[in-house]
């Protein structure tokens, strides 16, 4: 089934130095940009992370320091990439929890403030887990009847994710071929920040989604319950996007 799109939809995947969206860096990004008329554009870019790629990361994606030593740093391609993503809805596999927060963190560190507030996010992994409870390799085999060759390369994983979503739409009549529906269906929480540290509760109030104040209103914690919590978070190992969100709430408290 071909996708029913109002805006261009970008499928993307990252290979990185590790699994922290706050601390780790991108070493490869691959994307497929699908337009409402069905036209596709794709690209894969190797990135020099400016640091050693740990051996355990290389063991997964097979990208070494030598492979990226002559590649651009993210700041060198950030403006070009922001133009690619501008005005697009976004899809990926586990992208809402990891790839998207890390990508935005890289943009912020490069001085590029990309606005995601009006975008729709489709996490194909969430759809898959709700429907079948497996991994990307199994999803590709299950939905597409193919073996995923060269798994954990950004290009192969991105293409597989795109094909899996189309196959999911063919398989499940209850899934609407609509980006708004798919975004809502594949979102587990109503995130305020991209990493999901702050979410909206059922009363549309920003609450903490982690730690000792989980479930409590952020504004209430900052104003009354634990006035030092904001400073602790700002000094802690949280993504810059999360710090921006809590700063806006803190300023609103004043």
Protein backbone atom coordinates (compact mmCIF):
# COMPACT_ATOMS: atom_id res chain seq x y z
CA UNK A 1 0.00 0.00 0.00
CA UNK A 2 1.36 3.40 -0.94
CA UNK A 3 1.34 6.08 1.75
CA UNK A 4 -1.39 8.72 1.85
CA UNK A 5 0.54 11.89 2.65
CA UNK A 6 -0.29 15.54 3.17
CA UNK A 7 3.33 16.53 3.80
CA UNK A 8 6.60 14.91 2.76
CA UNK A 9 7.47 12.05 5.13
CA UNK A 10 11.10 11.34 6.01
CA UNK A 11 12.18 7.88 7.09
CA UNK A 12 15.57 8.06 8.77
CA UNK A 13 18.02 5.98 10.79
CA UNK A 14 21.17 6.81 12.72
CA UNK A 15 24.32 4.86 13.50
CA UNK A 16 26.01 6.33 16.56
CA UNK A 17 28.86 6.13 19.05
CA UNK A 18 26.53 4.70 21.71
CA UNK A 19 23.02 4.55 23.10
CA UNK A 20 22.70 7.88 24.97
CA UNK A 21 20.67 10.53 23.16
CA UNK A 22 22.26 13.15 25.42
CA UNK A 23 25.95 12.22 25.18
CA UNK A 24 26.58 10.17 22.05
CA UNK A 25 27.21 11.34 18.52
CA UNK A 26 26.06 10.42 15.02
CA UNK A 27 28.47 8.55 12.73
CA UNK A 28 26.01 7.90 9.90
CA UNK A 29 22.57 9.17 8.91
CA UNK A 30 20.43 7.77 6.15
CA UNK A 31 17.07 9.05 5.00
CA UNK A 32 14.36 8.46 2.43
CA UNK A 33 12.17 11.48 1.75
CA UNK A 34 8.78 10.45 0.36
CA UNK A 35 6.64 13.15 -1.25
CA UNK A 36 2.81 13.14 -1.40
CA UNK A 37 3.02 12.34 -5.13
CA UNK A 38 5.11 9.23 -4.42
CA UNK A 39 8.44 10.71 -5.48
CA UNK A 40 11.39 9.55 -3.34
CA UNK A 41 14.76 11.09 -2.51
CA UNK A 42 17.37 9.25 -0.47
CA UNK A 43 20.84 9.86 0.87
CA UNK A 44 23.36 8.41 3.32
CA UNK A 45 25.95 10.61 4.99
CA UNK A 46 28.91 9.45 7.07
CA UNK A 47 29.74 11.82 9.95
CA UNK A 48 32.99 12.34 11.83
CA UNK A 49 31.82 12.40 15.48
CA UNK A 50 34.98 14.14 16.65
CA UNK A 51 35.68 11.37 19.12
CA UNK A 52 36.68 7.72 19.22
CA UNK A 53 33.98 5.29 18.12
CA UNK A 54 33.86 2.63 20.85
CA UNK A 55 34.62 -0.91 19.76
CA UNK A 56 31.24 -2.13 21.03
CA UNK A 57 29.51 0.37 18.72
CA UNK A 58 31.70 -0.62 15.78
CA UNK A 59 30.83 -4.27 16.43
CA UNK A 60 27.19 -3.38 15.67
CA UNK A 61 27.42 -1.02 12.69
CA UNK A 62 30.98 -1.82 11.48
CA UNK A 63 31.98 1.84 11.19
CA UNK A 64 35.48 2.62 12.50
CA UNK A 65 37.43 5.79 13.22
CA UNK A 66 39.33 5.32 9.95
CA UNK A 67 36.05 5.10 8.01
CA UNK A 68 34.99 8.60 9.11
CA UNK A 69 38.30 10.43 9.62
CA UNK A 70 37.87 12.40 6.37
CA UNK A 71 34.09 12.82 6.68
CA UNK A 72 32.37 16.10 7.63
CA UNK A 73 31.44 16.89 11.21
CA UNK A 74 27.73 17.24 11.91
CA UNK A 75 28.00 21.03 12.13
CA UNK A 76 29.25 21.01 8.53
CA UNK A 77 26.06 19.38 7.22
CA UNK A 78 23.54 20.59 9.84
CA UNK A 79 22.05 23.46 7.82
CA UNK A 80 21.72 21.32 4.70
CA UNK A 81 20.05 18.54 6.69
CA UNK A 82 17.68 20.98 8.39
CA UNK A 83 16.49 22.08 4.96
CA UNK A 84 15.89 18.43 4.02
CA UNK A 85 13.77 17.90 7.15
CA UNK A 86 11.99 21.25 7.00
CA UNK A 87 8.21 20.93 6.64
CA UNK A 88 8.31 17.12 6.81
CA UNK A 89 6.69 14.58 9.06
CA UNK A 90 9.16 12.03 10.40
CA UNK A 91 9.23 8.22 10.68
CA UNK A 92 11.72 5.71 11.98
CA UNK A 93 12.23 2.53 13.98
CA UNK A 94 12.52 3.32 17.71
CA UNK A 95 12.95 6.89 16.49
CA UNK A 96 10.73 8.58 19.07
CA UNK A 97 12.83 7.27 21.96
CA UNK A 98 16.33 7.51 20.51
CA UNK A 99 17.03 8.65 16.95
CA UNK A 100 14.89 11.79 16.98
CA UNK A 101 16.09 13.14 20.37
CA UNK A 102 19.71 12.51 19.36
CA UNK A 103 19.26 14.16 15.97
CA UNK A 104 17.71 17.26 17.55
CA UNK A 105 20.51 17.33 20.13
CA UNK A 106 23.07 17.35 17.30
CA UNK A 107 21.20 20.20 15.58
CA UNK A 108 21.14 22.23 18.79
CA UNK A 109 24.86 21.62 19.43
CA UNK A 110 25.53 22.81 15.87
CA UNK A 111 23.59 26.02 16.50
CA UNK A 112 20.67 25.02 14.25
CA UNK A 113 17.31 25.36 15.99
CA UNK A 114 15.03 23.06 14.00
CA UNK A 115 11.34 23.42 14.89
CA UNK A 116 9.64 20.05 15.47
CA UNK A 117 6.52 21.37 17.22
CA UNK A 118 4.24 21.05 14.17
CA UNK A 119 5.64 17.76 12.90
CA UNK A 120 4.01 14.34 13.17
CA UNK A 121 6.20 11.43 14.30
CA UNK A 122 5.58 7.81 13.29
CA UNK A 123 7.50 5.17 15.20
CA UNK A 124 7.25 1.96 13.16
CA UNK A 125 8.71 -0.04 16.06
CA UNK A 126 5.83 0.98 18.32
CA UNK A 127 3.30 -0.09 15.70
CA UNK A 128 5.16 -3.37 15.30
CA UNK A 129 5.37 -4.01 19.04
CA UNK A 130 1.68 -3.28 19.50
CA UNK A 131 0.85 -5.67 16.68
CA UNK A 132 3.50 -8.39 16.81
CA UNK A 133 6.15 -7.77 19.54
CA UNK A 134 9.43 -8.34 17.64
CA UNK A 135 12.60 -6.68 16.22
CA UNK A 136 13.32 -4.96 12.89
CA UNK A 137 14.96 -8.06 11.39
CA UNK A 138 11.94 -10.16 12.37
CA UNK A 139 9.56 -7.40 11.26
CA UNK A 140 11.14 -7.30 7.80
CA UNK A 141 10.89 -11.08 7.50
CA UNK A 142 7.35 -11.19 8.90
CA UNK A 143 5.83 -8.35 6.90
CA UNK A 144 7.92 -8.30 3.74
CA UNK A 145 9.00 -11.95 3.48
CA UNK A 146 12.65 -10.93 3.07
CA UNK A 147 15.84 -11.40 5.03
CA UNK A 148 17.38 -8.11 6.13
CA UNK A 149 20.86 -8.21 4.67
CA UNK A 150 23.46 -5.84 6.13
CA UNK A 151 21.38 -5.14 9.24
CA UNK A 152 22.62 -2.24 11.40
CA UNK A 153 23.75 -0.24 8.40
CA UNK A 154 21.75 2.97 8.29
CA UNK A 155 20.85 2.58 4.62
CA UNK A 156 19.53 -1.00 4.95
CA UNK A 157 17.63 -0.26 8.17
CA UNK A 158 16.04 2.89 6.71
CA UNK A 159 14.86 1.10 3.56
CA UNK A 160 13.54 -1.82 5.63
CA UNK A 161 11.61 0.54 7.93
CA UNK A 162 9.96 2.23 4.94
CA UNK A 163 8.95 -1.11 3.43
CA UNK A 164 7.68 -2.45 6.77
CA UNK A 165 5.33 0.50 7.30
CA UNK A 166 3.79 0.05 3.85
CA UNK A 167 3.39 -3.68 4.50
CA UNK A 168 1.79 -2.97 7.91
CA UNK A 169 -0.82 -0.81 6.18
CA UNK A 170 -1.55 -3.67 3.77
CA UNK A 171 -1.84 -6.22 6.57
CA UNK A 172 -3.95 -4.36 9.15
CA UNK A 173 -7.21 -2.82 7.94
CA UNK A 174 -7.54 -1.07 11.31
CA UNK A 175 -4.45 1.04 10.55
CA UNK A 176 -5.51 4.17 8.70
CA UNK A 177 -3.31 5.34 5.84
CA UNK A 178 -3.04 8.74 7.43
CA UNK A 179 0.02 10.35 9.03
CA UNK A 180 -1.99 11.92 11.88
CA UNK A 181 -3.48 8.53 12.80
CA UNK A 182 -0.17 6.68 12.50
CA UNK A 183 1.61 9.32 14.56
CA UNK A 184 -0.99 9.09 17.32
CA UNK A 185 -1.01 5.27 17.20
CA UNK A 186 2.77 4.98 17.42
CA UNK A 187 3.15 7.51 20.23
CA UNK A 188 3.21 5.94 23.69
CA UNK A 189 3.12 9.20 25.65
CA UNK A 190 2.27 12.82 24.92
CA UNK A 191 5.84 14.04 25.18
CA UNK A 192 6.67 17.63 26.04
CA UNK A 193 10.37 17.11 25.36
CA UNK A 194 11.57 14.75 22.66
CA UNK A 195 13.25 12.35 25.11
CA UNK A 196 9.98 11.89 27.03
CA UNK A 197 11.35 13.02 30.38
CA UNK A 198 8.44 15.46 30.61
CA UNK A 199 4.98 14.40 29.39
CA UNK A 200 1.43 15.72 29.44
CA UNK A 201 -0.94 13.94 31.82
CA UNK A 202 -4.63 13.35 31.12
CA UNK A 203 -5.34 16.95 32.18
CA UNK A 204 -2.78 18.29 29.70
CA UNK A 205 -0.43 19.34 32.52
CA UNK A 206 3.34 18.85 32.17
CA UNK A 207 4.50 16.16 34.61
CA UNK A 208 7.76 14.33 35.23
CA UNK A 209 8.04 10.91 33.59
CA UNK A 210 11.03 9.70 35.61
CA UNK A 211 12.64 9.75 39.03
CA UNK A 212 11.35 10.58 42.47
CA UNK A 213 8.83 13.14 41.19
CA UNK A 214 7.38 10.92 38.46
CA UNK A 215 3.75 11.88 37.85
CA UNK A 216 4.03 15.20 39.66
CA UNK A 217 3.47 18.52 37.90
CA UNK A 218 6.77 20.10 36.87
CA UNK A 219 5.60 23.56 37.86
CA UNK A 220 4.52 22.35 41.31
CA UNK A 221 7.91 20.70 41.91
CA UNK A 222 9.85 23.78 40.81
CA UNK A 223 7.70 26.25 42.81
CA UNK A 224 6.90 24.30 45.99
CA UNK A 225 8.05 20.72 46.45
CA UNK A 226 11.70 20.76 45.41
CA UNK A 227 13.03 24.13 44.32
CA UNK A 228 16.53 22.77 43.74
CA UNK A 229 15.34 20.13 41.27
CA UNK A 230 15.56 22.50 38.31
CA UNK A 231 19.24 23.29 39.07
CA UNK A 232 19.96 19.58 39.51
CA UNK A 233 18.50 18.81 36.09
CA UNK A 234 20.31 21.68 34.40
CA UNK A 235 23.63 20.36 35.75
CA UNK A 236 22.73 16.75 34.96
CA UNK A 237 23.15 14.49 31.97
CA UNK A 238 19.92 15.48 30.18
CA UNK A 239 19.49 16.40 26.49
CA UNK A 240 19.60 20.10 25.68
CA UNK A 241 16.05 19.89 24.35
CA UNK A 242 14.86 18.67 27.78
CA UNK A 243 16.73 21.51 29.48
CA UNK A 244 15.11 24.01 27.12
CA UNK A 245 11.67 22.65 27.99
CA UNK A 246 12.15 22.82 31.76
CA UNK A 247 13.67 26.29 31.45
CA UNK A 248 10.53 27.51 29.67
CA UNK A 249 8.39 26.02 32.46
CA UNK A 250 10.66 27.56 35.10
CA UNK A 251 10.37 30.98 33.49
CA UNK A 252 6.61 30.57 33.35
CA UNK A 253 6.58 29.89 37.10
CA UNK A 254 8.07 33.34 37.71
